[in-house]
Amino acid sequence: MKQEQIEIYSELVDNAVVRMPQRNTLGSVMQGDTLFLLHADLMDILESHKHEPHSELFYRIYMLAKSLEERLNHYIAVCKEHDVRLSFSIEFSVEDYESLMD
């Protein structure tokens, strides 16, 4: 872990706006548990559309869930790397739906 100063434009919980050093674009900061809950909600939506696996809507939901899950997995890996205890674990994964994408 390294420590640097960042510019904080908003400290709103789950919606902080910051600028990282060497970056021009502002970033949005979300708590990990909120990221987990968004992923869980998206997985529920994916599950409810699994009977239409060849539809454009299913594909878009799947791709969004996959992207969010990659971000969540990165968050989990970083926490584990730094011995940060998590209060959640992924129970349902987009991997469970990969066979429907064929």
PDB file of N, CA and C in Angstrom:
ATOM      1  N   MET A   1       0.836  -1.167   0.000  1.00  0.00           N
ATOM      2  CA  MET A   1       0.000   0.000   0.000  1.00  0.00           C
ATOM      3  C   MET A   1       0.889   1.241   0.000  1.00  0.00           C
ATOM      4  N   LYS A   2       0.469   2.235  -0.766  1.00  0.00           N
ATOM      5  CA  LYS A   2       1.195   3.489  -0.721  1.00  0.00           C
ATOM      6  C   LYS A   2       0.221   4.592  -0.337  1.00  0.00           C
ATOM      7  N   GLN A   3       0.750   5.655   0.186  1.00  0.00           N
ATOM      8  CA  GLN A   3      -0.085   6.778   0.590  1.00  0.00           C
ATOM      9  C   GLN A   3       0.252   7.992  -0.258  1.00  0.00           C
ATOM     10  N   GLU A   4      -0.780   8.628  -0.789  1.00  0.00           N
ATOM     11  CA  GLU A   4      -0.634   9.834  -1.580  1.00  0.00           C
ATOM     12  C   GLU A   4      -1.797  10.759  -1.258  1.00  0.00           C
ATOM     13  N   GLN A   5      -1.617  11.997  -1.546  1.00  0.00           N
ATOM     14  CA  GLN A   5      -2.710  12.934  -1.390  1.00  0.00           C
ATOM     15  C   GLN A   5      -3.589  12.898  -2.632  1.00  0.00           C
ATOM     16  N   ILE A   6      -4.886  12.957  -2.402  1.00  0.00           N
ATOM     17  CA  ILE A   6      -5.834  13.043  -3.509  1.00  0.00           C
ATOM     18  C   ILE A   6      -6.692  14.288  -3.313  1.00  0.00           C
ATOM     19  N   GLU A   7      -7.253  14.776  -4.401  1.00  0.00           N
ATOM     20  CA  GLU A   7      -8.179  15.902  -4.326  1.00  0.00           C
ATOM     21  C   GLU A   7      -9.578  15.340  -4.100  1.00  0.00           C
ATOM     22  N   ILE A   8     -10.275  15.837  -3.085  1.00  0.00           N
ATOM     23  CA  ILE A   8     -11.625  15.373  -2.776  1.00  0.00           C
ATOM     24  C   ILE A   8     -12.607  16.489  -3.123  1.00  0.00           C
ATOM     25  N   TYR A   9     -13.493  16.201  -4.069  1.00  0.00           N
ATOM     26  CA  TYR A   9     -14.484  17.179  -4.506  1.00  0.00           C
ATOM     27  C   TYR A   9     -15.812  16.978  -3.793  1.00  0.00           C
ATOM     28  N   SER A  10     -16.088  15.765  -3.367  1.00  0.00           N
ATOM     29  CA  SER A  10     -17.302  15.447  -2.620  1.00  0.00           C
ATOM     30  C   SER A  10     -17.019  14.248  -1.739  1.00  0.00           C
ATOM     31  N   GLU A  11     -17.486  14.292  -0.498  1.00  0.00           N
ATOM     32  CA  GLU A  11     -17.311  13.183   0.432  1.00  0.00           C
ATOM     33  C   GLU A  11     -18.614  12.435   0.669  1.00  0.00           C
ATOM     34  N   LEU A  12     -19.554  12.589  -0.235  1.00  0.00           N
ATOM     35  CA  LEU A  12     -20.840  11.923  -0.102  1.00  0.00           C
ATOM     36  C   LEU A  12     -20.630  10.413  -0.010  1.00  0.00           C
ATOM     37  N   VAL A  13     -21.212   9.787   0.998  1.00  0.00           N
ATOM     38  CA  VAL A  13     -21.041   8.346   1.216  1.00  0.00           C
ATOM     39  C   VAL A  13     -21.531   7.576  -0.013  1.00  0.00           C
ATOM     40  N   ASP A  14     -20.732   6.644  -0.462  1.00  0.00           N
ATOM     41  CA  ASP A  14     -21.004   5.810  -1.638  1.00  0.00           C
ATOM     42  C   ASP A  14     -21.059   6.590  -2.939  1.00  0.00           C
ATOM     43  N   ASN A  15     -20.653   7.847  -2.903  1.00  0.00           N
ATOM     44  CA  ASN A  15     -20.645   8.631  -4.131  1.00  0.00           C
ATOM     45  C   ASN A  15     -19.639   9.770  -4.034  1.00  0.00           C
ATOM     46  N   ALA A  16     -18.515   9.491  -3.391  1.00  0.00           N
ATOM     47  CA  ALA A  16     -17.459  10.497  -3.291  1.00  0.00           C
ATOM     48  C   ALA A  16     -16.882  10.757  -4.673  1.00  0.00           C
ATOM     49  N   VAL A  17     -16.412  11.982  -4.873  1.00  0.00           N
ATOM     50  CA  VAL A  17     -15.791  12.346  -6.149  1.00  0.00           C
ATOM     51  C   VAL A  17     -14.377  12.825  -5.845  1.00  0.00           C
ATOM     52  N   VAL A  18     -13.398  12.181  -6.484  1.00  0.00           N
ATOM     53  CA  VAL A  18     -11.988  12.465  -6.185  1.00  0.00           C
ATOM     54  C   VAL A  18     -11.186  12.564  -7.468  1.00  0.00           C
ATOM     55  N   ARG A  19     -10.008  13.166  -7.333  1.00  0.00           N
ATOM     56  CA  ARG A  19      -9.045  13.149  -8.442  1.00  0.00           C
ATOM     57  C   ARG A  19      -7.777  12.492  -7.906  1.00  0.00           C
ATOM     58  N   MET A  20      -7.378  11.420  -8.548  1.00  0.00           N
ATOM     59  CA  MET A  20      -6.157  10.720  -8.191  1.00  0.00           C
ATOM     60  C   MET A  20      -4.964  11.477  -8.762  1.00  0.00           C
ATOM     61  N   PRO A  21      -3.809  11.375  -8.124  1.00  0.00           N
ATOM     62  CA  PRO A  21      -2.611  12.034  -8.667  1.00  0.00           C
ATOM     63  C   PRO A  21      -2.348  11.577 -10.109  1.00  0.00           C
ATOM     64  N   GLN A  22      -1.902  12.488 -10.913  1.00  0.00           N
ATOM     65  CA  GLN A  22      -1.547  12.228 -12.307  1.00  0.00           C
ATOM     66  C   GLN A  22      -2.751  11.926 -13.202  1.00  0.00           C
ATOM     67  N   ARG A  23      -3.971  12.171 -12.721  1.00  0.00           N
ATOM     68  CA  ARG A  23      -5.172  11.907 -13.526  1.00  0.00           C
ATOM     69  C   ARG A  23      -5.876  13.215 -13.839  1.00  0.00           C
ATOM     70  N   ASN A  24      -6.405  13.333 -15.032  1.00  0.00           N
ATOM     71  CA  ASN A  24      -7.180  14.516 -15.404  1.00  0.00           C
ATOM     72  C   ASN A  24      -8.658  14.355 -15.072  1.00  0.00           C
ATOM     73  N   THR A  25      -9.140  13.150 -15.203  1.00  0.00           N
ATOM     74  CA  THR A  25     -10.560  12.886 -15.002  1.00  0.00           C
ATOM     75  C   THR A  25     -10.844  12.569 -13.537  1.00  0.00           C
ATOM     76  N   LEU A  26     -11.949  13.102 -13.038  1.00  0.00           N
ATOM     77  CA  LEU A  26     -12.361  12.790 -11.670  1.00  0.00           C
ATOM     78  C   LEU A  26     -12.868  11.354 -11.603  1.00  0.00           C
ATOM     79  N   GLY A  27     -12.758  10.760 -10.422  1.00  0.00           N
ATOM     80  CA  GLY A  27     -13.231   9.405 -10.208  1.00  0.00           C
ATOM     81  C   GLY A  27     -14.360   9.381  -9.198  1.00  0.00           C
ATOM     82  N   SER A  28     -15.125   8.323  -9.210  1.00  0.00           N
ATOM     83  CA  SER A  28     -16.226   8.130  -8.285  1.00  0.00           C
ATOM     84  C   SER A  28     -15.874   6.974  -7.357  1.00  0.00           C
ATOM     85  N   VAL A  29     -16.077   7.174  -6.051  1.00  0.00           N
ATOM     86  CA  VAL A  29     -15.707   6.170  -5.057  1.00  0.00           C
ATOM     87  C   VAL A  29     -16.962   5.569  -4.446  1.00  0.00           C
ATOM     88  N   MET A  30     -16.991   4.244  -4.411  1.00  0.00           N
ATOM     89  CA  MET A  30     -18.121   3.516  -3.849  1.00  0.00           C
ATOM     90  C   MET A  30     -17.606   2.532  -2.801  1.00  0.00           C
ATOM     91  N   GLN A  31     -18.319   2.383  -1.722  1.00  0.00           N
ATOM     92  CA  GLN A  31     -17.949   1.411  -0.696  1.00  0.00           C
ATOM     93  C   GLN A  31     -18.058   0.000  -1.265  1.00  0.00           C
ATOM     94  N   GLY A  32     -17.231  -0.908  -0.771  1.00  0.00           N
ATOM     95  CA  GLY A  32     -17.222  -2.284  -1.263  1.00  0.00           C
ATOM     96  C   GLY A  32     -18.517  -3.018  -1.029  1.00  0.00           C
ATOM     97  N   ASP A  33     -19.175  -2.774   0.120  1.00  0.00           N
ATOM     98  CA  ASP A  33     -20.441  -3.467   0.381  1.00  0.00           C
ATOM     99  C   ASP A  33     -21.535  -2.998  -0.576  1.00  0.00           C
ATOM    100  N   THR A  34     -21.466  -1.742  -0.992  1.00  0.00           N
ATOM    101  CA  THR A  34     -22.423  -1.243  -1.977  1.00  0.00           C
ATOM    102  C   THR A  34     -22.164  -1.883  -3.330  1.00  0.00           C
ATOM    103  N   LEU A  35     -20.910  -2.026  -3.699  1.00  0.00           N
ATOM    104  CA  LEU A  35     -20.547  -2.712  -4.934  1.00  0.00           C
ATOM    105  C   LEU A  35     -21.078  -4.144  -4.912  1.00  0.00           C
ATOM    106  N   PHE A  36     -20.930  -4.803  -3.778  1.00  0.00           N
ATOM    107  CA  PHE A  36     -21.436  -6.170  -3.620  1.00  0.00           C
ATOM    108  C   PHE A  36     -22.955  -6.214  -3.796  1.00  0.00           C
ATOM    109  N   LEU A  37     -23.681  -5.270  -3.195  1.00  0.00           N
ATOM    110  CA  LEU A  37     -25.143  -5.250  -3.288  1.00  0.00           C
ATOM    111  C   LEU A  37     -25.610  -4.963  -4.715  1.00  0.00           C
ATOM    112  N   LEU A  38     -24.920  -4.087  -5.421  1.00  0.00           N
ATOM    113  CA  LEU A  38     -25.257  -3.836  -6.827  1.00  0.00           C
ATOM    114  C   LEU A  38     -25.063  -5.100  -7.661  1.00  0.00           C
ATOM    115  N   HIS A  39     -23.974  -5.814  -7.390  1.00  0.00           N
ATOM    116  CA  HIS A  39     -23.715  -7.071  -8.101  1.00  0.00           C
ATOM    117  C   HIS A  39     -24.826  -8.076  -7.798  1.00  0.00           C
ATOM    118  N   ALA A  40     -25.226  -8.192  -6.537  1.00  0.00           N
ATOM    119  CA  ALA A  40     -26.275  -9.139  -6.159  1.00  0.00           C
ATOM    120  C   ALA A  40     -27.593  -8.796  -6.858  1.00  0.00           C
ATOM    121  N   ASP A  41     -27.937  -7.516  -6.903  1.00  0.00           N
ATOM    122  CA  ASP A  41     -29.166  -7.106  -7.593  1.00  0.00           C
ATOM    123  C   ASP A  41     -29.095  -7.436  -9.079  1.00  0.00           C
ATOM    124  N   LEU A  42     -27.964  -7.192  -9.683  1.00  0.00           N
ATOM    125  CA  LEU A  42     -27.795  -7.480 -11.103  1.00  0.00           C
ATOM    126  C   LEU A  42     -27.861  -8.984 -11.367  1.00  0.00           C
ATOM    127  N   MET A  43     -27.336  -9.774 -10.459  1.00  0.00           N
ATOM    128  CA  MET A  43     -27.421 -11.228 -10.625  1.00  0.00           C
ATOM    129  C   MET A  43     -28.869 -11.702 -10.531  1.00  0.00           C
ATOM    130  N   ASP A  44     -29.677 -11.071  -9.680  1.00  0.00           N
ATOM    131  CA  ASP A  44     -31.108 -11.397  -9.611  1.00  0.00           C
ATOM    132  C   ASP A  44     -31.791 -11.089 -10.942  1.00  0.00           C
ATOM    133  N   ILE A  45     -31.444  -9.958 -11.538  1.00  0.00           N
ATOM    134  CA  ILE A  45     -32.024  -9.582 -12.829  1.00  0.00           C
ATOM    135  C   ILE A  45     -31.582 -10.569 -13.908  1.00  0.00           C
ATOM    136  N   LEU A  46     -30.318 -10.955 -13.892  1.00  0.00           N
ATOM    137  CA  LEU A  46     -29.804 -11.936 -14.856  1.00  0.00           C
ATOM    138  C   LEU A  46     -30.553 -13.254 -14.711  1.00  0.00           C
ATOM    139  N   GLU A  47     -30.745 -13.686 -13.483  1.00  0.00           N
ATOM    140  CA  GLU A  47     -31.476 -14.937 -13.220  1.00  0.00           C
ATOM    141  C   GLU A  47     -32.895 -14.869 -13.774  1.00  0.00           C
ATOM    142  N   SER A  48     -33.536 -13.726 -13.617  1.00  0.00           N
ATOM    143  CA  SER A  48     -34.926 -13.601 -14.073  1.00  0.00           C
ATOM    144  C   SER A  48     -35.040 -13.583 -15.602  1.00  0.00           C
ATOM    145  N   HIS A  49     -33.927 -13.379 -16.299  1.00  0.00           N
ATOM    146  CA  HIS A  49     -33.949 -13.357 -17.762  1.00  0.00           C
ATOM    147  C   HIS A  49     -33.227 -14.547 -18.395  1.00  0.00           C
ATOM    148  N   LYS A  50     -32.890 -15.546 -17.598  1.00  0.00           N
ATOM    149  CA  LYS A  50     -32.105 -16.670 -18.136  1.00  0.00           C
ATOM    150  C   LYS A  50     -32.882 -17.524 -19.132  1.00  0.00           C
ATOM    151  N   HIS A  51     -34.211 -17.369 -19.173  1.00  0.00           N
ATOM    152  CA  HIS A  51     -35.012 -18.153 -20.112  1.00  0.00           C
ATOM    153  C   HIS A  51     -35.035 -17.537 -21.508  1.00  0.00           C
ATOM    154  N   GLU A  52     -34.356 -16.388 -21.657  1.00  0.00           N
ATOM    155  CA  GLU A  52     -34.246 -15.735 -22.964  1.00  0.00           C
ATOM    156  C   GLU A  52     -32.767 -15.537 -23.294  1.00  0.00           C
ATOM    157  N   PRO A  53     -31.965 -16.607 -23.266  1.00  0.00           N
ATOM    158  CA  PRO A  53     -30.512 -16.456 -23.370  1.00  0.00           C
ATOM    159  C   PRO A  53     -30.001 -15.868 -24.679  1.00  0.00           C
ATOM    160  N   HIS A  54     -30.809 -15.874 -25.716  1.00  0.00           N
ATOM    161  CA  HIS A  54     -30.331 -15.362 -26.996  1.00  0.00           C
ATOM    162  C   HIS A  54     -30.868 -13.969 -27.295  1.00  0.00           C
ATOM    163  N   SER A  55     -31.512 -13.368 -26.305  1.00  0.00           N
ATOM    164  CA  SER A  55     -32.045 -12.026 -26.526  1.00  0.00           C
ATOM    165  C   SER A  55     -30.960 -10.981 -26.303  1.00  0.00           C
ATOM    166  N   GLU A  56     -31.153  -9.838 -26.920  1.00  0.00           N
ATOM    167  CA  GLU A  56     -30.232  -8.711 -26.750  1.00  0.00           C
ATOM    168  C   GLU A  56     -30.211  -8.264 -25.293  1.00  0.00           C
ATOM    169  N   LEU A  57     -31.370  -8.270 -24.630  1.00  0.00           N
ATOM    170  CA  LEU A  57     -31.461  -7.840 -23.241  1.00  0.00           C
ATOM    171  C   LEU A  57     -30.647  -8.758 -22.332  1.00  0.00           C
ATOM    172  N   PHE A  58     -30.758 -10.064 -22.520  1.00  0.00           N
ATOM    173  CA  PHE A  58     -29.987 -10.999 -21.700  1.00  0.00           C
ATOM    174  C   PHE A  58     -28.492 -10.757 -21.893  1.00  0.00           C
ATOM    175  N   TYR A  59     -28.088 -10.593 -23.136  1.00  0.00           N
ATOM    176  CA  TYR A  59     -26.673 -10.355 -23.438  1.00  0.00           C
ATOM    177  C   TYR A  59     -26.174  -9.096 -22.733  1.00  0.00           C
ATOM    178  N   ARG A  60     -26.932  -8.027 -22.786  1.00  0.00           N
ATOM    179  CA  ARG A  60     -26.521  -6.766 -22.162  1.00  0.00           C
ATOM    180  C   ARG A  60     -26.463  -6.896 -20.641  1.00  0.00           C
ATOM    181  N   ILE A  61     -27.435  -7.578 -20.057  1.00  0.00           N
ATOM    182  CA  ILE A  61     -27.422  -7.797 -18.597  1.00  0.00           C
ATOM    183  C   ILE A  61     -26.203  -8.636 -18.225  1.00  0.00           C
ATOM    184  N   TYR A  62     -25.962  -9.686 -18.982  1.00  0.00           N
ATOM    185  CA  TYR A  62     -24.813 -10.570 -18.724  1.00  0.00           C
ATOM    186  C   TYR A  62     -23.502  -9.788 -18.779  1.00  0.00           C
ATOM    187  N   MET A  63     -23.318  -8.982 -19.818  1.00  0.00           N
ATOM    188  CA  MET A  63     -22.074  -8.239 -19.973  1.00  0.00           C
ATOM    189  C   MET A  63     -21.894  -7.208 -18.851  1.00  0.00           C
ATOM    190  N   LEU A  64     -22.974  -6.572 -18.450  1.00  0.00           N
ATOM    191  CA  LEU A  64     -22.903  -5.625 -17.346  1.00  0.00           C
ATOM    192  C   LEU A  64     -22.558  -6.340 -16.041  1.00  0.00           C
ATOM    193  N   ALA A  65     -23.192  -7.477 -15.804  1.00  0.00           N
ATOM    194  CA  ALA A  65     -22.910  -8.263 -14.599  1.00  0.00           C
ATOM    195  C   ALA A  65     -21.460  -8.751 -14.602  1.00  0.00           C
ATOM    196  N   LYS A  66     -20.969  -9.153 -15.749  1.00  0.00           N
ATOM    197  CA  LYS A  66     -19.588  -9.622 -15.861  1.00  0.00           C
ATOM    198  C   LYS A  66     -18.608  -8.499 -15.529  1.00  0.00           C
ATOM    199  N   SER A  67     -18.858  -7.318 -16.066  1.00  0.00           N
ATOM    200  CA  SER A  67     -18.002  -6.171 -15.805  1.00  0.00           C
ATOM    201  C   SER A  67     -18.013  -5.799 -14.320  1.00  0.00           C
ATOM    202  N   LEU A  68     -19.189  -5.769 -13.730  1.00  0.00           N
ATOM    203  CA  LEU A  68     -19.300  -5.432 -12.317  1.00  0.00           C
ATOM    204  C   LEU A  68     -18.638  -6.501 -11.450  1.00  0.00           C
ATOM    205  N   GLU A  69     -18.784  -7.763 -11.845  1.00  0.00           N
ATOM    206  CA  GLU A  69     -18.168  -8.845 -11.075  1.00  0.00           C
ATOM    207  C   GLU A  69     -16.642  -8.791 -11.155  1.00  0.00           C
ATOM    208  N   GLU A  70     -16.110  -8.424 -12.293  1.00  0.00           N
ATOM    209  CA  GLU A  70     -14.653  -8.270 -12.407  1.00  0.00           C
ATOM    210  C   GLU A  70     -14.158  -7.186 -11.453  1.00  0.00           C
ATOM    211  N   ARG A  71     -14.895  -6.084 -11.369  1.00  0.00           N
ATOM    212  CA  ARG A  71     -14.548  -4.996 -10.454  1.00  0.00           C
ATOM    213  C   ARG A  71     -14.655  -5.469  -9.002  1.00  0.00           C
ATOM    214  N   LEU A  72     -15.708  -6.221  -8.695  1.00  0.00           N
ATOM    215  CA  LEU A  72     -15.905  -6.740  -7.339  1.00  0.00           C
ATOM    216  C   LEU A  72     -14.810  -7.745  -6.982  1.00  0.00           C
ATOM    217  N   ASN A  73     -14.447  -8.611  -7.912  1.00  0.00           N
ATOM    218  CA  ASN A  73     -13.370  -9.580  -7.655  1.00  0.00           C
ATOM    219  C   ASN A  73     -12.039  -8.876  -7.410  1.00  0.00           C
ATOM    220  N   HIS A  74     -11.788  -7.792  -8.127  1.00  0.00           N
ATOM    221  CA  HIS A  74     -10.566  -7.013  -7.899  1.00  0.00           C
ATOM    222  C   HIS A  74     -10.587  -6.431  -6.480  1.00  0.00           C
ATOM    223  N   TYR A  75     -11.711  -5.882  -6.081  1.00  0.00           N
ATOM    224  CA  TYR A  75     -11.870  -5.326  -4.733  1.00  0.00           C
ATOM    225  C   TYR A  75     -11.595  -6.409  -3.677  1.00  0.00           C
ATOM    226  N   ILE A  76     -12.178  -7.578  -3.859  1.00  0.00           N
ATOM    227  CA  ILE A  76     -12.003  -8.682  -2.909  1.00  0.00           C
ATOM    228  C   ILE A  76     -10.538  -9.107  -2.851  1.00  0.00           C
ATOM    229  N   ALA A  77      -9.894  -9.230  -3.997  1.00  0.00           N
ATOM    230  CA  ALA A  77      -8.478  -9.642  -4.050  1.00  0.00           C
ATOM    231  C   ALA A  77      -7.587  -8.633  -3.332  1.00  0.00           C
ATOM    232  N   VAL A  78      -7.831  -7.345  -3.555  1.00  0.00           N
ATOM    233  CA  VAL A  78      -7.025  -6.315  -2.895  1.00  0.00           C
ATOM    234  C   VAL A  78      -7.234  -6.364  -1.384  1.00  0.00           C
ATOM    235  N   CYS A  79      -8.469  -6.535  -0.950  1.00  0.00           N
ATOM    236  CA  CYS A  79      -8.747  -6.641   0.492  1.00  0.00           C
ATOM    237  C   CYS A  79      -8.014  -7.831   1.099  1.00  0.00           C
ATOM    238  N   LYS A  80      -8.075  -8.979   0.438  1.00  0.00           N
ATOM    239  CA  LYS A  80      -7.384 -10.171   0.942  1.00  0.00           C
ATOM    240  C   LYS A  80      -5.877  -9.960   0.984  1.00  0.00           C
ATOM    241  N   GLU A  81      -5.344  -9.330  -0.031  1.00  0.00           N
ATOM    242  CA  GLU A  81      -3.907  -9.056  -0.114  1.00  0.00           C
ATOM    243  C   GLU A  81      -3.432  -8.204   1.065  1.00  0.00           C
ATOM    244  N   HIS A  82      -4.309  -7.357   1.563  1.00  0.00           N
ATOM    245  CA  HIS A  82      -3.952  -6.452   2.658  1.00  0.00           C
ATOM    246  C   HIS A  82      -4.606  -6.858   3.981  1.00  0.00           C
ATOM    247  N   ASP A  83      -5.048  -8.112   4.060  1.00  0.00           N
ATOM    248  CA  ASP A  83      -5.655  -8.660   5.277  1.00  0.00           C
ATOM    249  C   ASP A  83      -6.829  -7.843   5.794  1.00  0.00           C
ATOM    250  N   VAL A  84      -7.638  -7.335   4.875  1.00  0.00           N
ATOM    251  CA  VAL A  84      -8.855  -6.617   5.236  1.00  0.00           C
ATOM    252  C   VAL A  84     -10.000  -7.617   5.218  1.00  0.00           C
ATOM    253  N   ARG A  85     -10.651  -7.757   6.357  1.00  0.00           N
ATOM    254  CA  ARG A  85     -11.739  -8.719   6.494  1.00  0.00           C
ATOM    255  C   ARG A  85     -12.988  -8.212   5.788  1.00  0.00           C
ATOM    256  N   LEU A  86     -13.646  -9.088   5.044  1.00  0.00           N
ATOM    257  CA  LEU A  86     -14.866  -8.743   4.323  1.00  0.00           C
ATOM    258  C   LEU A  86     -16.085  -9.321   5.031  1.00  0.00           C
ATOM    259  N   SER A  87     -17.200  -8.623   4.928  1.00  0.00           N
ATOM    260  CA  SER A  87     -18.434  -9.084   5.554  1.00  0.00           C
ATOM    261  C   SER A  87     -19.341  -9.782   4.544  1.00  0.00           C
ATOM    262  N   PHE A  88     -18.826 -10.103   3.371  1.00  0.00           N
ATOM    263  CA  PHE A  88     -19.636 -10.725   2.333  1.00  0.00           C
ATOM    264  C   PHE A  88     -18.763 -11.628   1.475  1.00  0.00           C
ATOM    265  N   SER A  89     -19.414 -12.466   0.686  1.00  0.00           N
ATOM    266  CA  SER A  89     -18.727 -13.272  -0.324  1.00  0.00           C
ATOM    267  C   SER A  89     -19.683 -13.468  -1.498  1.00  0.00           C
ATOM    268  N   ILE A  90     -19.134 -13.632  -2.674  1.00  0.00           N
ATOM    269  CA  ILE A  90     -19.953 -13.815  -3.873  1.00  0.00           C
ATOM    270  C   ILE A  90     -20.564 -15.216  -3.839  1.00  0.00           C
ATOM    271  N   GLU A  91     -21.892 -15.272  -3.903  1.00  0.00           N
ATOM    272  CA  GLU A  91     -22.581 -16.560  -3.904  1.00  0.00           C
ATOM    273  C   GLU A  91     -22.979 -16.994  -5.311  1.00  0.00           C
ATOM    274  N   PHE A  92     -23.296 -16.019  -6.147  1.00  0.00           N
ATOM    275  CA  PHE A  92     -23.716 -16.314  -7.514  1.00  0.00           C
ATOM    276  C   PHE A  92     -22.821 -15.534  -8.467  1.00  0.00           C
ATOM    277  N   SER A  93     -22.373 -16.211  -9.506  1.00  0.00           N
ATOM    278  CA  SER A  93     -21.404 -15.629 -10.422  1.00  0.00           C
ATOM    279  C   SER A  93     -21.920 -15.672 -11.857  1.00  0.00           C
ATOM    280  N   VAL A  94     -21.433 -14.750 -12.671  1.00  0.00           N
ATOM    281  CA  VAL A  94     -21.773 -14.790 -14.092  1.00  0.00           C
ATOM    282  C   VAL A  94     -21.251 -16.076 -14.731  1.00  0.00           C
ATOM    283  N   GLU A  95     -20.247 -16.681 -14.124  1.00  0.00           N
ATOM    284  CA  GLU A  95     -19.725 -17.939 -14.646  1.00  0.00           C
ATOM    285  C   GLU A  95     -20.822 -19.004 -14.710  1.00  0.00           C
ATOM    286  N   ASP A  96     -21.825 -18.897 -13.827  1.00  0.00           N
ATOM    287  CA  ASP A  96     -22.936 -19.853 -13.821  1.00  0.00           C
ATOM    288  C   ASP A  96     -23.797 -19.724 -15.091  1.00  0.00           C
ATOM    289  N   TYR A  97     -23.647 -18.644 -15.821  1.00  0.00           N
ATOM    290  CA  TYR A  97     -24.462 -18.372 -16.993  1.00  0.00           C
ATOM    291  C   TYR A  97     -23.686 -18.437 -18.301  1.00  0.00           C
ATOM    292  N   GLU A  98     -22.398 -18.718 -18.223  1.00  0.00           N
ATOM    293  CA  GLU A  98     -21.558 -18.739 -19.425  1.00  0.00           C
ATOM    294  C   GLU A  98     -22.045 -19.724 -20.468  1.00  0.00           C
ATOM    295  N   SER A  99     -22.547 -20.867 -20.020  1.00  0.00           N
ATOM    296  CA  SER A  99     -23.013 -21.869 -20.989  1.00  0.00           C
ATOM    297  C   SER A  99     -24.211 -21.387 -21.791  1.00  0.00           C
ATOM    298  N   LEU A 100     -24.958 -20.420 -21.252  1.00  0.00           N
ATOM    299  CA  LEU A 100     -26.109 -19.875 -21.981  1.00  0.00           C
ATOM    300  C   LEU A 100     -25.686 -18.915 -23.073  1.00  0.00           C
ATOM    301  N   MET A 101     -24.435 -18.478 -23.034  1.00  0.00           N
ATOM    302  CA  MET A 101     -23.943 -17.504 -23.999  1.00  0.00           C
ATOM    303  C   MET A 101     -23.521 -18.145 -25.318  1.00  0.00           C
ATOM    304  N   ASP A 102     -23.523 -19.460 -25.396  1.00  0.00           N
ATOM    305  CA  ASP A 102     -23.117 -20.156 -26.632  1.00  0.00           C
ATOM    306  C   ASP A 102     -24.138 -20.013 -27.725  1.00  0.00           C
TER     307      ASP A 102
END
